[in-house]
């Protein structure tokens, strides 16, 4: 069954149709350097650093040819979720 599905996918989506480029170690190191930089302000949820991070990642996904999912009538790479932040423990 799995083999049949693979054959079906390869038949309708040949390698030339898909946008495929090799990802190199330098590519990954470059993305890590950008995301780990001070510009992204630590990437903590609910901060400007998080917004910069998700926008950077979404732009790279778009450049790679990925399409966002459609939630209702709104295509988006991310899904809104409630964020629960635990209280910080302060020893007495």
Protein backbone atom coordinates (compact mmCIF):
# COMPACT_ATOMS: atom_id res chain seq x y z
CA UNK A 1 0.00 0.00 0.00
CA UNK A 2 2.72 2.46 0.95
CA UNK A 3 4.68 1.61 -2.18
CA UNK A 4 1.62 2.28 -4.33
CA UNK A 5 1.14 5.66 -2.68
CA UNK A 6 4.81 6.53 -3.31
CA UNK A 7 4.49 5.55 -6.98
CA UNK A 8 1.33 7.65 -7.27
CA UNK A 9 3.05 10.69 -5.74
CA UNK A 10 6.15 10.32 -7.92
CA UNK A 11 3.97 9.94 -11.01
CA UNK A 12 2.02 13.15 -10.47
CA UNK A 13 4.79 15.18 -8.83
CA UNK A 14 8.03 14.43 -10.67
CA UNK A 15 11.27 15.76 -9.23
CA UNK A 16 11.45 18.51 -11.87
CA UNK A 17 8.08 19.84 -10.72
CA UNK A 18 9.17 20.22 -7.11
CA UNK A 19 11.45 23.07 -6.13
CA UNK A 20 14.44 21.16 -4.85
CA UNK A 21 17.79 22.61 -3.97
CA UNK A 22 20.40 21.05 -1.76
CA UNK A 23 20.60 22.51 1.73
CA UNK A 24 24.21 22.96 2.71
CA UNK A 25 25.84 23.20 6.09
CA UNK A 26 26.61 26.85 5.33
CA UNK A 27 22.90 27.50 4.64
CA UNK A 28 21.95 26.05 8.03
CA UNK A 29 24.72 27.90 9.84
CA UNK A 30 23.56 31.14 8.22
CA UNK A 31 19.97 30.67 9.39
CA UNK A 32 21.13 29.73 12.88
CA UNK A 33 23.37 32.81 13.03
CA UNK A 34 20.47 35.07 12.03
CA UNK A 35 17.98 33.50 14.47
CA UNK A 36 20.51 33.50 17.33
CA UNK A 37 21.56 37.11 16.75
CA UNK A 38 20.76 39.95 19.14
CA UNK A 39 18.43 41.37 16.48
CA UNK A 40 15.91 38.64 17.37
CA UNK A 41 15.95 39.59 21.06
CA UNK A 42 15.88 36.06 22.43
CA UNK A 43 12.72 34.94 20.56
CA UNK A 44 10.65 34.69 23.77
CA UNK A 45 6.94 34.09 23.07
CA UNK A 46 4.85 37.26 23.14
CA UNK A 47 7.76 39.59 22.33
CA UNK A 48 8.95 41.53 19.30
CA UNK A 49 11.72 38.93 19.00
CA UNK A 50 9.12 36.21 18.49
CA UNK A 51 7.39 38.27 15.79
CA UNK A 52 10.70 38.80 14.00
CA UNK A 53 11.42 35.07 14.23
CA UNK A 54 8.10 33.84 12.84
CA UNK A 55 8.23 36.42 10.04
CA UNK A 56 11.79 35.34 9.14
CA UNK A 57 10.80 31.67 9.08
CA UNK A 58 7.62 32.34 7.06
CA UNK A 59 9.60 34.37 4.51
CA UNK A 60 12.11 31.52 4.09
CA UNK A 61 9.28 29.01 3.69
CA UNK A 62 7.71 31.22 1.01
CA UNK A 63 11.06 31.55 -0.77
CA UNK A 64 11.32 27.74 -0.75
CA UNK A 65 7.94 27.48 -2.47
CA UNK A 66 5.88 26.28 0.48
CA UNK A 67 2.25 27.34 0.62
CA UNK A 68 0.54 28.32 3.88
CA UNK A 69 -2.37 26.31 5.24
CA UNK A 70 -5.82 27.84 4.99
CA UNK A 71 -7.61 28.42 8.29
CA UNK A 72 -11.13 29.49 7.43
CA UNK A 73 -10.60 32.04 4.66
CA UNK A 74 -7.18 33.15 5.88
CA UNK A 75 -4.01 31.47 4.54
CA UNK A 76 -1.27 31.52 7.16
CA UNK A 77 1.93 29.73 8.17
CA UNK A 78 0.99 29.94 11.83
CA UNK A 79 -1.97 29.26 14.06
CA UNK A 80 -3.05 31.47 16.93
CA UNK A 81 -2.91 29.73 20.29
CA UNK A 82 -3.37 30.86 23.86
CA UNK A 83 -0.10 31.23 25.70
CA UNK A 84 0.00 30.18 29.33
CA UNK A 85 2.90 31.73 31.18
CA UNK A 86 3.67 30.13 34.54
CA UNK A 87 4.36 32.43 37.45
CA UNK A 88 8.03 32.77 38.22
CA UNK A 89 9.05 31.16 41.48
CA UNK A 90 10.77 33.45 43.96
CA UNK A 91 12.26 31.65 46.94
CA UNK A 92 11.27 33.19 50.31
